[in-house]
Protein backbone atom coordinates (compact mmCIF):
# COMPACT_ATOMS: atom_id res chain seq x y z
CA MET A 1 47.80 -38.50 -37.04
CA PRO A 2 44.73 -38.21 -34.77
CA PHE A 3 45.19 -38.99 -31.10
CA SER A 4 42.71 -41.81 -30.55
CA THR A 5 42.45 -41.98 -26.75
CA PRO A 6 39.51 -39.96 -25.37
CA VAL A 7 40.47 -37.01 -23.16
CA ALA A 8 38.23 -35.67 -20.38
CA LEU A 9 38.74 -32.14 -19.03
CA HIS A 10 37.09 -31.02 -15.78
CA ILE A 11 36.63 -27.26 -15.45
CA PHE A 12 34.87 -24.75 -13.22
CA ASN A 13 35.45 -20.99 -12.91
CA ARG A 14 39.14 -20.49 -13.67
CA PRO A 15 39.49 -19.72 -17.38
CA GLN A 16 43.04 -18.48 -16.84
CA TYR A 17 44.01 -22.08 -16.03
CA SER A 18 41.60 -24.08 -18.16
CA ASN A 19 42.72 -22.17 -21.26
CA GLN A 20 46.32 -23.28 -20.66
CA VAL A 21 45.35 -26.90 -20.13
CA PHE A 22 43.10 -26.83 -23.18
CA ALA A 23 46.00 -25.47 -25.25
CA ALA A 24 48.08 -28.48 -24.17
CA ILE A 25 45.24 -30.81 -25.16
CA ALA A 26 44.88 -29.03 -28.50
CA GLN A 27 48.50 -29.85 -29.33
CA VAL A 28 47.69 -33.58 -29.52
CA LYS A 29 44.27 -33.08 -31.17
CA PRO A 30 42.31 -35.92 -29.57
CA SER A 31 39.55 -37.32 -31.74
CA THR A 32 37.23 -37.45 -28.70
CA LEU A 33 37.00 -34.76 -26.03
CA PHE A 34 34.77 -34.67 -22.97
CA ILE A 35 34.34 -31.38 -21.09
CA VAL A 36 32.81 -31.57 -17.61
CA ALA A 37 31.93 -28.24 -15.98
CA ASP A 38 30.57 -27.52 -12.53
CA GLY A 39 27.93 -24.80 -12.26
CA PRO A 40 28.18 -21.37 -10.64
CA ARG A 41 27.70 -20.97 -6.91
CA ALA A 42 24.50 -19.14 -6.01
CA ASP A 43 26.24 -16.91 -3.47
CA VAL A 44 29.18 -15.90 -5.71
CA PRO A 45 27.91 -13.46 -8.38
CA GLU A 46 31.13 -13.45 -10.39
CA ASP A 47 30.88 -17.22 -10.95
CA ASP A 48 28.31 -16.79 -13.72
CA ASP A 49 30.70 -14.91 -15.97
CA LEU A 50 33.78 -16.92 -15.02
CA CYS A 51 32.02 -20.22 -15.66
CA GLN A 52 30.90 -19.00 -19.07
CA GLN A 53 34.43 -17.88 -19.90
CA ALA A 54 35.80 -21.29 -18.92
CA ARG A 55 33.17 -23.12 -20.96
CA ALA A 56 34.01 -21.05 -24.04
CA ILE A 57 36.94 -23.38 -24.73
CA VAL A 58 34.47 -25.61 -26.54
CA ASP A 59 34.44 -22.99 -29.31
CA GLN A 60 38.22 -23.28 -29.67
CA VAL A 61 38.18 -26.86 -30.95
CA ASP A 62 39.48 -26.37 -34.49
CA TRP A 63 40.44 -29.93 -35.41
CA GLU A 64 38.35 -32.97 -36.32
CA CYS A 65 37.00 -33.94 -32.93
CA GLU A 66 33.83 -35.34 -31.41
CA VAL A 67 33.11 -33.08 -28.43
CA PHE A 68 30.81 -34.06 -25.57
CA THR A 69 29.86 -31.57 -22.86
CA ARG A 70 28.29 -31.96 -19.44
CA PHE A 71 27.70 -28.46 -18.08
CA ALA A 72 25.97 -28.30 -14.69
CA GLU A 73 23.35 -25.57 -14.36
CA SER A 74 23.92 -25.18 -10.62
CA ASN A 75 26.87 -25.89 -8.39
CA LEU A 76 27.39 -29.54 -7.51
CA GLY A 77 30.63 -29.20 -5.57
CA GLY A 78 33.93 -30.87 -6.33
CA ARG A 79 33.09 -34.36 -5.09
CA SER A 80 29.75 -34.73 -6.86
CA CYS A 81 30.83 -33.00 -10.05
CA ASN A 82 33.95 -35.12 -10.44
CA VAL A 83 32.25 -38.42 -9.67
CA GLN A 84 29.19 -37.75 -11.81
CA GLY A 85 31.44 -36.56 -14.61
CA LEU A 86 33.62 -39.65 -14.47
CA ASP A 87 30.56 -41.90 -14.33
CA TRP A 88 29.32 -40.14 -17.48
CA VAL A 89 32.65 -40.41 -19.31
CA PHE A 90 33.11 -44.09 -18.56
CA SER A 91 29.52 -44.85 -19.50
CA GLN A 92 30.45 -43.84 -23.04
CA VAL A 93 34.06 -44.97 -23.50
CA GLU A 94 36.14 -47.87 -22.23
CA GLU A 95 39.16 -45.77 -21.30
CA ALA A 96 40.12 -42.12 -21.00
CA ILE A 97 42.76 -39.61 -19.96
CA ILE A 98 41.53 -37.25 -17.23
CA LEU A 99 42.75 -33.72 -16.55
CA GLU A 100 41.47 -30.99 -14.26
CA ASP A 101 41.61 -27.33 -15.15
CA ASP A 102 44.88 -26.62 -13.36
CA CYS A 103 46.84 -29.77 -14.23
CA LEU A 104 49.16 -28.70 -17.04
CA PRO A 105 50.65 -31.73 -18.79
CA HIS A 106 53.98 -32.16 -20.51
CA PRO A 107 53.48 -33.22 -24.16
CA SER A 108 54.81 -36.71 -23.41
CA PHE A 109 52.01 -37.24 -20.86
CA PHE A 110 49.52 -38.07 -23.60
CA PRO A 111 51.46 -40.76 -25.50
CA PHE A 112 52.62 -42.21 -22.17
CA CYS A 113 49.04 -42.63 -20.99
CA GLN A 114 47.89 -43.97 -24.34
CA GLY A 115 50.67 -46.54 -24.41
CA MET A 116 50.10 -47.68 -20.85
CA LEU A 117 46.33 -47.91 -21.36
CA ALA A 118 47.00 -50.30 -24.23
CA GLN A 119 49.75 -52.18 -22.39
CA TYR A 120 47.64 -52.95 -19.31
CA ARG A 121 44.13 -52.89 -20.77
CA HIS A 122 43.51 -56.51 -19.75
CA GLN A 123 45.67 -56.58 -16.62
CA PHE A 124 42.94 -55.99 -14.06
CA GLN A 125 45.38 -55.40 -11.20
CA VAL A 126 46.47 -52.17 -12.89
CA LYS A 127 43.81 -49.58 -12.07
CA THR A 128 45.26 -46.21 -13.05
CA ILE A 129 48.06 -44.47 -14.93
CA SER A 130 49.42 -41.35 -13.25
CA GLY A 131 51.14 -38.35 -14.77
CA SER A 132 52.39 -36.99 -11.45
CA ASN A 133 55.67 -37.98 -9.90
CA PHE A 134 56.42 -35.73 -6.92
CA LEU A 135 60.04 -36.92 -6.97
CA ARG A 136 60.48 -34.80 -10.13
CA ASP A 137 63.40 -36.36 -12.04
CA THR A 138 65.31 -37.74 -9.06
CA LEU A 139 64.21 -41.38 -9.28
CA SER A 140 67.42 -43.03 -10.46
CA ILE A 141 66.16 -46.17 -12.18
CA PRO A 142 66.59 -47.52 -15.71
CA GLN A 143 62.89 -48.33 -16.10
CA THR A 144 60.54 -45.88 -17.83
CA TYR A 145 57.95 -46.20 -15.07
CA VAL A 146 57.23 -47.93 -11.78
CA PHE A 147 54.22 -49.53 -10.15
CA SER A 148 52.88 -48.10 -6.90
CA LYS A 149 49.90 -48.42 -4.60
CA PHE A 150 49.76 -44.62 -4.34
CA PHE A 151 47.30 -42.67 -6.45
CA VAL A 152 47.40 -38.93 -7.16
CA SER A 153 44.61 -37.26 -9.13
CA TRP A 154 46.78 -34.68 -10.91
CA GLY A 155 46.56 -35.95 -14.48
CA TRP A 156 45.70 -39.62 -14.80
CA ALA A 157 44.09 -42.24 -16.99
CA SER A 158 42.01 -45.33 -16.40
CA TRP A 159 39.50 -47.79 -17.77
CA ARG A 160 35.79 -48.31 -17.30
CA ARG A 161 36.51 -51.76 -15.85
CA ALA A 162 38.54 -50.10 -13.06
CA TRP A 163 36.21 -47.15 -12.35
CA GLN A 164 33.28 -49.55 -11.94
CA GLY A 165 34.96 -50.72 -8.74
CA ASN A 166 34.89 -47.26 -7.12
CA ASP A 167 33.59 -47.37 -3.53
CA LEU A 168 32.86 -43.66 -3.07
CA THR A 169 31.50 -43.95 0.47
CA MET A 170 34.26 -46.41 1.44
CA THR A 171 31.71 -48.87 2.78
CA GLY A 172 34.30 -51.63 2.82
CA TRP A 173 36.96 -49.66 4.68
CA PRO A 174 36.16 -50.66 8.30
CA GLN A 175 36.34 -54.35 7.45
CA PHE A 176 39.34 -53.95 5.17
CA LYS A 177 41.50 -52.31 7.82
CA GLN A 178 40.60 -55.08 10.26
CA THR A 179 41.43 -57.91 7.86
CA GLN A 180 44.43 -56.23 6.20
CA PRO A 181 46.45 -54.75 9.08
CA GLN A 182 49.50 -54.16 6.84
CA PHE A 183 48.72 -53.24 3.24
CA PHE A 184 52.05 -51.52 2.54
CA GLU A 185 55.46 -53.10 2.94
CA GLN A 186 56.28 -50.75 5.82
CA GLN A 187 53.93 -50.84 8.81
CA ALA A 188 54.58 -47.14 9.45
CA LEU A 189 53.34 -46.32 5.96
CA THR A 190 50.28 -48.50 6.48
CA ASP A 191 49.51 -46.68 9.74
CA TRP A 192 49.90 -43.32 8.06
CA VAL A 193 47.60 -44.15 5.13
CA THR A 194 45.11 -45.73 7.54
CA GLN A 195 44.68 -42.39 9.26
CA LEU A 196 44.26 -40.69 5.89
CA PHE A 197 41.53 -43.17 4.93
CA ASP A 198 39.89 -42.83 8.35
CA TRP A 199 39.62 -39.10 7.82
CA ALA A 200 38.05 -39.51 4.37
CA TYR A 201 35.63 -42.19 5.61
CA GLN A 202 34.46 -40.06 8.52
CA ASN A 203 34.11 -36.79 6.59
CA GLN A 204 32.80 -37.92 3.16
CA GLN A 205 33.95 -34.70 1.48
CA VAL A 206 36.34 -35.73 -1.29
CA TRP A 207 36.36 -38.16 -4.19
CA ASP A 208 40.01 -38.97 -4.78
CA ILE A 209 40.92 -40.52 -1.42
CA PRO A 210 37.98 -42.96 -1.74
CA TRP A 211 39.19 -43.79 -5.25
CA PHE A 212 42.72 -44.32 -3.88
CA TYR A 213 41.22 -46.64 -1.25
CA SER A 214 39.07 -48.47 -3.81
CA CYS A 215 42.09 -49.29 -5.94
CA LEU A 216 44.19 -50.35 -2.98
CA ALA A 217 41.42 -52.53 -1.53
CA GLN A 218 41.41 -54.49 -4.79
CA ASP A 219 45.19 -54.94 -4.64
CA GLY A 220 45.36 -52.39 -7.44
CA LEU A 221 48.43 -50.74 -8.89
CA THR A 222 49.11 -47.34 -10.43
CA VAL A 223 51.61 -46.85 -13.24
CA VAL A 224 53.86 -43.88 -12.37
CA PRO A 225 56.34 -42.33 -14.85
CA LYS A 226 59.95 -42.09 -13.72
CA VAL A 227 59.79 -38.30 -14.15
CA ASN A 228 57.07 -35.78 -13.41
CA LEU A 229 54.70 -35.05 -16.32
CA ILE A 230 52.17 -32.74 -14.61
CA SER A 231 52.54 -29.24 -13.19
CA ASN A 232 49.73 -28.03 -10.95
CA ILE A 233 49.35 -24.37 -11.85
CA GLY A 234 46.30 -23.58 -9.73
CA THR A 235 47.81 -21.54 -6.93
CA GLN A 236 46.51 -18.05 -7.64
CA GLY A 237 43.49 -17.16 -5.54
CA SER A 238 43.23 -20.54 -3.89
CA HIS A 239 43.96 -22.13 -0.54
CA THR A 240 47.34 -23.28 -1.82
CA GLN A 241 48.91 -19.84 -1.47
CA GLY A 242 51.83 -20.05 0.90
CA ASN A 243 51.96 -23.83 0.61
CA GLN A 244 53.23 -24.40 -2.89
CA GLY A 245 55.71 -27.19 -2.21
CA LEU A 246 54.16 -29.55 -4.75
CA ASN A 247 52.50 -26.96 -6.95
CA GLU A 248 54.07 -25.83 -10.20
CA LEU A 249 56.62 -28.63 -10.15
CA PRO A 250 58.74 -28.73 -13.29
CA THR A 251 57.90 -31.34 -15.90
CA PHE A 252 60.35 -33.41 -17.88
CA ASN A 253 60.43 -35.22 -21.18
CA LEU A 254 59.88 -38.96 -20.90
CA ASN A 255 61.70 -40.98 -23.54
CA LEU A 256 59.11 -43.29 -25.06
CA ASP A 257 61.20 -44.46 -28.02
CA ALA A 258 62.61 -47.40 -26.09
CA ILE A 259 60.35 -48.13 -23.12
CA ILE A 260 61.92 -50.20 -20.36
CA HIS A 261 59.27 -52.03 -18.37
CA PRO A 262 59.60 -52.99 -14.69
CA ASP A 263 60.90 -56.48 -14.02
CA SER A 264 57.73 -57.46 -12.18
CA MET A 265 54.20 -56.19 -11.61
CA ALA A 266 54.74 -55.13 -8.01
CA PRO A 267 55.02 -51.84 -6.10
CA ASN A 268 58.45 -50.27 -6.33
CA PRO A 269 59.71 -50.13 -2.72
CA LEU A 270 62.18 -47.30 -3.39
CA PHE A 271 59.52 -45.06 -4.91
CA GLU A 272 57.03 -45.67 -2.11
CA ALA A 273 59.65 -45.12 0.59
CA LEU A 274 60.70 -41.82 -0.97
CA ILE A 275 57.09 -40.64 -1.37
CA TYR A 276 56.39 -41.49 2.27
CA LYS A 277 59.51 -39.57 3.30
CA LEU A 278 58.43 -36.59 1.20
CA PHE A 279 54.99 -36.37 2.79
CA THR A 280 56.12 -36.99 6.36
CA ALA A 281 59.40 -35.06 6.45
CA ASN A 282 58.12 -32.70 9.14
CA GLU A 283 55.18 -34.58 10.63
CA PRO A 284 55.35 -38.39 10.86
CA GLN A 285 51.62 -38.81 11.56
CA PRO A 286 48.73 -37.36 9.53
CA THR A 287 47.19 -35.34 12.33
CA GLN A 288 44.21 -33.13 11.52
CA PRO A 289 46.36 -30.04 10.82
CA PHE A 290 48.68 -32.14 8.70
CA LEU A 291 45.76 -33.67 6.82
CA LYS A 292 44.66 -30.18 5.89
CA LYS A 293 48.13 -29.39 4.59
CA LEU A 294 48.35 -32.70 2.75
CA ARG A 295 44.99 -32.15 1.13
CA SER A 296 46.24 -28.73 0.12
CA LYS A 297 49.28 -30.33 -1.47
CA LEU A 298 47.18 -32.91 -3.25
CA LYS A 299 44.42 -30.48 -4.19
CA LYS A 300 41.91 -32.08 -1.87
CA LEU A 301 40.61 -28.92 -0.25
CA LEU A 302 39.81 -26.64 -3.14
CA PRO A 303 37.05 -24.15 -2.32
CA ARG A 304 34.64 -26.07 -4.55
CA ASP A 305 35.00 -29.11 -2.30
CA GLN A 306 33.59 -27.02 0.53
CA ARG A 307 30.69 -25.47 -1.34
């Protein structure tokens, strides 16, 4: 049976990773596939060949599928390429599953996203569905998923109606932090995220922290599976070498035969407390060195973001 939810794959110059992620996508055979590719860097000669190798996955589509491509001729950089690509995807479809070239999904990631997209299609407070759960399989709850204010861009899904609210330059952030002095249950967590948002607002280098802010500023929620469904495999040859704590996490099967929904549409305090503890185990405040390490963990400082 065809998989009806559109899938968008963002690639660049790492065919060794994008081929693996494409193979996972091919298992579910989506009827609509978007491929967004950044262009080669002018000062990196090997990019030309590597980008072409990565883009060759379009020739591997061997099932009935409508394929759309957006291949940049020159290098846009991670922020611009991702945002322009997502604008393009959501200009054509109402909802989509989004993967980057090093986010390897468990097979249950796809039906989970498809089911949650349908479940919360008209619940405007729900902004995203995540595939990543950095707690692995340690969240001891009966529910199939939780709600959270946290967003992680390693394998996710959303709707056009949510993406239209993206405030990329975070223009509303200065006023928001003045009028909403405590936007998490714990003040310490609010203070920590405030510093993260301050960094993103001042530097204007990344796309996912502004999207995290945009969702939170609208009192938005992310659906998070009780187990991890995404393994970030992009460690070879990148800045993440030597700091692989959240890379290549194991993935787990999520039982979708009898979904147990949360009792209420509200952030799960246990999940958010454990995530906060995970990120701040060694450094309670997101200082500049820690921000660099955190962005490494969350794939926010890939070389293409600095091009």
